[in-house]
Amino acid sequence: METYTQIKDIASDQLFYIDGLASVRDAVKLMKEKKVNALIIQKRNQSDANGIVTDSDIIQGVIVPGKTLDEVSVYEIMTKPVFAIPSHLNISYVPRLMNNYNIRIAPIEENGKYIGIIDYTKFLFNALDESI
């Protein structure tokens, strides 16, 4: 049986949540405090889906249009539903999958729960580690 590295093996476990009604200022504060570039948006109820807000969403949805961090709520610029990657997926497939869907960051899902997060930087660092 061939062994392979699963995406959960290189994903960051630094996964943080925020309410969709929070201001973008609150989101940026949390991102700065936790040193992350994305936050998962909490579900409003059981039938709801999670969302995600990234640093790029904030730049494109708030900074570029000249809005202030206080006048925009997270739900206005988030992506929902969030595109999650199965934890068991072979890491060799994930960059292509993310590229096909034009996403740079995604949570890792296992048994219906998010257990981590992956972004393009992790693939670069992993490629470097494997070449040493």
C-alpha atoms as a PDB file:
ATOM      1  CA  MET A   1       0.000   0.000   0.000  1.00  0.00           C
ATOM      2  CA  GLU A   2       1.418   3.336  -1.062  1.00  0.00           C
ATOM      3  CA  THR A   3       1.724   5.970   1.631  1.00  0.00           C
ATOM      4  CA  TYR A   4       1.251   9.642   0.987  1.00  0.00           C
ATOM      5  CA  THR A   5       1.185  12.864   2.929  1.00  0.00           C
ATOM      6  CA  GLN A   6      -2.323  13.977   3.782  1.00  0.00           C
ATOM      7  CA  ILE A   7      -3.205  17.656   3.670  1.00  0.00           C
ATOM      8  CA  LYS A   8      -3.920  17.645   7.406  1.00  0.00           C
ATOM      9  CA  ASP A   9      -0.249  16.769   7.986  1.00  0.00           C
ATOM     10  CA  ILE A  10       0.961  20.165   6.760  1.00  0.00           C
ATOM     11  CA  ALA A  11      -2.066  22.333   7.609  1.00  0.00           C
ATOM     12  CA  SER A  12      -1.891  24.933  10.348  1.00  0.00           C
ATOM     13  CA  ASP A  13      -4.049  24.332  13.399  1.00  0.00           C
ATOM     14  CA  GLN A  14      -4.338  28.106  13.885  1.00  0.00           C
ATOM     15  CA  LEU A  15      -8.035  28.342  13.070  1.00  0.00           C
ATOM     16  CA  PHE A  16     -10.097  31.188  14.534  1.00  0.00           C
ATOM     17  CA  TYR A  17     -13.768  32.099  14.276  1.00  0.00           C
ATOM     18  CA  ILE A  18     -15.659  35.401  14.202  1.00  0.00           C
ATOM     19  CA  ASP A  19     -19.319  36.378  14.060  1.00  0.00           C
ATOM     20  CA  GLY A  20     -20.514  37.604  10.667  1.00  0.00           C
ATOM     21  CA  LEU A  21     -22.040  40.692  12.293  1.00  0.00           C
ATOM     22  CA  ALA A  22     -18.664  41.790  13.676  1.00  0.00           C
ATOM     23  CA  SER A  23     -17.054  44.849  12.149  1.00  0.00           C
ATOM     24  CA  VAL A  24     -14.126  44.427   9.816  1.00  0.00           C
ATOM     25  CA  ARG A  25     -12.109  46.353  12.435  1.00  0.00           C
ATOM     26  CA  ASP A  26     -12.779  43.526  14.924  1.00  0.00           C
ATOM     27  CA  ALA A  27     -11.755  40.974  12.299  1.00  0.00           C
ATOM     28  CA  VAL A  28      -8.494  42.787  11.527  1.00  0.00           C
ATOM     29  CA  LYS A  29      -7.716  43.102  15.253  1.00  0.00           C
ATOM     30  CA  LEU A  30      -8.215  39.354  15.718  1.00  0.00           C
ATOM     31  CA  MET A  31      -6.159  38.547  12.615  1.00  0.00           C
ATOM     32  CA  LYS A  32      -3.330  40.771  13.849  1.00  0.00           C
ATOM     33  CA  GLU A  33      -3.466  39.367  17.392  1.00  0.00           C
ATOM     34  CA  LYS A  34      -3.449  35.735  16.212  1.00  0.00           C
ATOM     35  CA  LYS A  35      -1.082  36.383  13.263  1.00  0.00           C
ATOM     36  CA  VAL A  36      -3.413  34.782  10.699  1.00  0.00           C
ATOM     37  CA  ASN A  37      -4.649  35.903   7.300  1.00  0.00           C
ATOM     38  CA  ALA A  38      -8.155  34.410   7.437  1.00  0.00           C
ATOM     39  CA  LEU A  39     -11.023  33.843   9.853  1.00  0.00           C
ATOM     40  CA  ILE A  40     -13.895  31.375   9.686  1.00  0.00           C
ATOM     41  CA  ILE A  41     -17.348  32.920  10.023  1.00  0.00           C
ATOM     42  CA  GLN A  42     -19.532  31.186  12.597  1.00  0.00           C
ATOM     43  CA  LYS A  43     -22.795  29.579  11.520  1.00  0.00           C
ATOM     44  CA  ARG A  44     -25.925  31.453  12.621  1.00  0.00           C
ATOM     45  CA  ASN A  45     -27.801  28.172  13.152  1.00  0.00           C
ATOM     46  CA  GLN A  46     -27.595  24.444  12.365  1.00  0.00           C
ATOM     47  CA  SER A  47     -28.858  24.826   8.793  1.00  0.00           C
ATOM     48  CA  ASP A  48     -26.452  27.671   8.008  1.00  0.00           C
ATOM     49  CA  ALA A  49     -23.037  27.328   6.366  1.00  0.00           C
ATOM     50  CA  ASN A  50     -19.723  28.708   7.549  1.00  0.00           C
ATOM     51  CA  GLY A  51     -18.072  31.510   5.643  1.00  0.00           C
ATOM     52  CA  ILE A  52     -14.497  32.769   5.432  1.00  0.00           C
ATOM     53  CA  VAL A  53     -12.971  36.232   5.345  1.00  0.00           C
ATOM     54  CA  THR A  54      -9.381  36.701   4.206  1.00  0.00           C
ATOM     55  CA  ASP A  55      -6.912  39.546   4.132  1.00  0.00           C
ATOM     56  CA  SER A  56      -7.569  39.810   0.378  1.00  0.00           C
ATOM     57  CA  ASP A  57     -11.318  40.177   0.990  1.00  0.00           C
ATOM     58  CA  ILE A  58     -10.619  43.055   3.364  1.00  0.00           C
ATOM     59  CA  ILE A  59      -8.257  44.780   0.947  1.00  0.00           C
ATOM     60  CA  GLN A  60     -10.663  44.387  -2.002  1.00  0.00           C
ATOM     61  CA  GLY A  61     -13.900  45.025  -0.108  1.00  0.00           C
ATOM     62  CA  VAL A  62     -12.860  47.786   2.289  1.00  0.00           C
ATOM     63  CA  ILE A  63      -9.457  49.361   1.633  1.00  0.00           C
ATOM     64  CA  VAL A  64      -9.588  49.681  -2.175  1.00  0.00           C
ATOM     65  CA  PRO A  65     -13.092  51.234  -2.233  1.00  0.00           C
ATOM     66  CA  GLY A  66     -11.987  53.712   0.456  1.00  0.00           C
ATOM     67  CA  LYS A  67     -14.340  52.518   3.197  1.00  0.00           C
ATOM     68  CA  THR A  68     -13.434  52.458   6.875  1.00  0.00           C
ATOM     69  CA  LEU A  69     -12.961  49.298   8.917  1.00  0.00           C
ATOM     70  CA  ASP A  70     -15.897  50.306  11.122  1.00  0.00           C
ATOM     71  CA  GLU A  71     -18.509  50.870   8.420  1.00  0.00           C
ATOM     72  CA  VAL A  72     -18.346  47.354   6.946  1.00  0.00           C
ATOM     73  CA  SER A  73     -19.465  44.138   8.637  1.00  0.00           C
ATOM     74  CA  VAL A  74     -17.653  40.880   8.016  1.00  0.00           C
ATOM     75  CA  TYR A  75     -20.713  39.294   6.388  1.00  0.00           C
ATOM     76  CA  GLU A  76     -20.641  41.937   3.641  1.00  0.00           C
ATOM     77  CA  ILE A  77     -17.255  40.828   2.307  1.00  0.00           C
ATOM     78  CA  MET A  78     -16.996  37.165   3.331  1.00  0.00           C
ATOM     79  CA  THR A  79     -17.152  34.178   1.006  1.00  0.00           C
ATOM     80  CA  LYS A  80     -19.962  31.800   1.875  1.00  0.00           C
ATOM     81  CA  PRO A  81     -20.211  28.882   1.869  1.00  0.00           C
ATOM     82  CA  VAL A  82     -16.571  28.257   2.599  1.00  0.00           C
ATOM     83  CA  PHE A  83     -14.751  25.773   0.355  1.00  0.00           C
ATOM     84  CA  ALA A  84     -13.331  23.115   2.696  1.00  0.00           C
ATOM     85  CA  ILE A  85     -10.750  20.481   1.811  1.00  0.00           C
ATOM     86  CA  PRO A  86     -11.081  16.901   3.097  1.00  0.00           C
ATOM     87  CA  SER A  87      -8.339  16.143   5.632  1.00  0.00           C
ATOM     88  CA  HIS A  88      -7.302  12.859   4.008  1.00  0.00           C
ATOM     89  CA  LEU A  89      -6.616  14.355   0.562  1.00  0.00           C
ATOM     90  CA  ASN A  90      -3.121  13.809  -0.848  1.00  0.00           C
ATOM     91  CA  ILE A  91      -1.199  17.099  -0.683  1.00  0.00           C
ATOM     92  CA  SER A  92      -0.126  16.747  -4.304  1.00  0.00           C
ATOM     93  CA  TYR A  93      -3.734  17.382  -5.431  1.00  0.00           C
ATOM     94  CA  VAL A  94      -4.589  20.323  -3.197  1.00  0.00           C
ATOM     95  CA  PRO A  95      -2.691  23.178  -4.913  1.00  0.00           C
ATOM     96  CA  ARG A  96      -4.305  22.281  -8.243  1.00  0.00           C
ATOM     97  CA  LEU A  97      -7.731  22.011  -6.616  1.00  0.00           C
ATOM     98  CA  MET A  98      -7.346  25.401  -4.941  1.00  0.00           C
ATOM     99  CA  ASN A  99      -6.079  26.944  -8.180  1.00  0.00           C
ATOM    100  CA  ASN A 100      -9.030  25.529 -10.137  1.00  0.00           C
ATOM    101  CA  TYR A 101     -11.433  27.211  -7.710  1.00  0.00           C
ATOM    102  CA  ASN A 102      -9.348  30.394  -7.505  1.00  0.00           C
ATOM    103  CA  ILE A 103      -8.841  30.225  -3.743  1.00  0.00           C
ATOM    104  CA  ARG A 104      -5.621  30.836  -1.809  1.00  0.00           C
ATOM    105  CA  ILE A 105      -6.719  29.640   1.611  1.00  0.00           C
ATOM    106  CA  ALA A 106      -9.167  27.004   2.845  1.00  0.00           C
ATOM    107  CA  PRO A 107     -10.081  25.172   6.032  1.00  0.00           C
ATOM    108  CA  ILE A 108      -9.386  21.461   6.379  1.00  0.00           C
ATOM    109  CA  GLU A 109     -12.436  19.380   7.267  1.00  0.00           C
ATOM    110  CA  GLU A 110     -12.528  16.051   9.090  1.00  0.00           C
ATOM    111  CA  ASN A 111     -15.694  14.329  10.302  1.00  0.00           C
ATOM    112  CA  GLY A 112     -17.755  17.462   9.694  1.00  0.00           C
ATOM    113  CA  LYS A 113     -15.453  19.760  11.699  1.00  0.00           C
ATOM    114  CA  TYR A 114     -12.692  22.134  10.696  1.00  0.00           C
ATOM    115  CA  ILE A 115      -9.377  20.955  12.093  1.00  0.00           C
ATOM    116  CA  GLY A 116      -6.957  23.310  10.391  1.00  0.00           C
ATOM    117  CA  ILE A 117      -6.346  25.714   7.562  1.00  0.00           C
ATOM    118  CA  ILE A 118      -4.087  25.665   4.519  1.00  0.00           C
ATOM    119  CA  ASP A 119      -2.797  28.408   2.248  1.00  0.00           C
ATOM    120  CA  TYR A 120      -0.397  28.653  -0.660  1.00  0.00           C
ATOM    121  CA  THR A 121       2.505  29.600   1.616  1.00  0.00           C
ATOM    122  CA  LYS A 122       2.363  26.180   3.288  1.00  0.00           C
ATOM    123  CA  PHE A 123       2.894  24.513  -0.088  1.00  0.00           C
ATOM    124  CA  LEU A 124       5.954  26.650  -0.764  1.00  0.00           C
ATOM    125  CA  PHE A 125       7.458  25.875   2.634  1.00  0.00           C
ATOM    126  CA  ASN A 126       6.644  22.172   2.268  1.00  0.00           C
ATOM    127  CA  ALA A 127       8.309  22.075  -1.182  1.00  0.00           C
ATOM    128  CA  LEU A 128      11.404  23.729   0.286  1.00  0.00           C
ATOM    129  CA  ASP A 129      11.524  21.277   3.203  1.00  0.00           C
ATOM    130  CA  GLU A 130      11.238  18.310   0.837  1.00  0.00           C
ATOM    131  CA  SER A 131      14.072  19.591  -1.366  1.00  0.00           C
ATOM    132  CA  ILE A 132      16.568  19.984   1.487  1.00  0.00           C
END
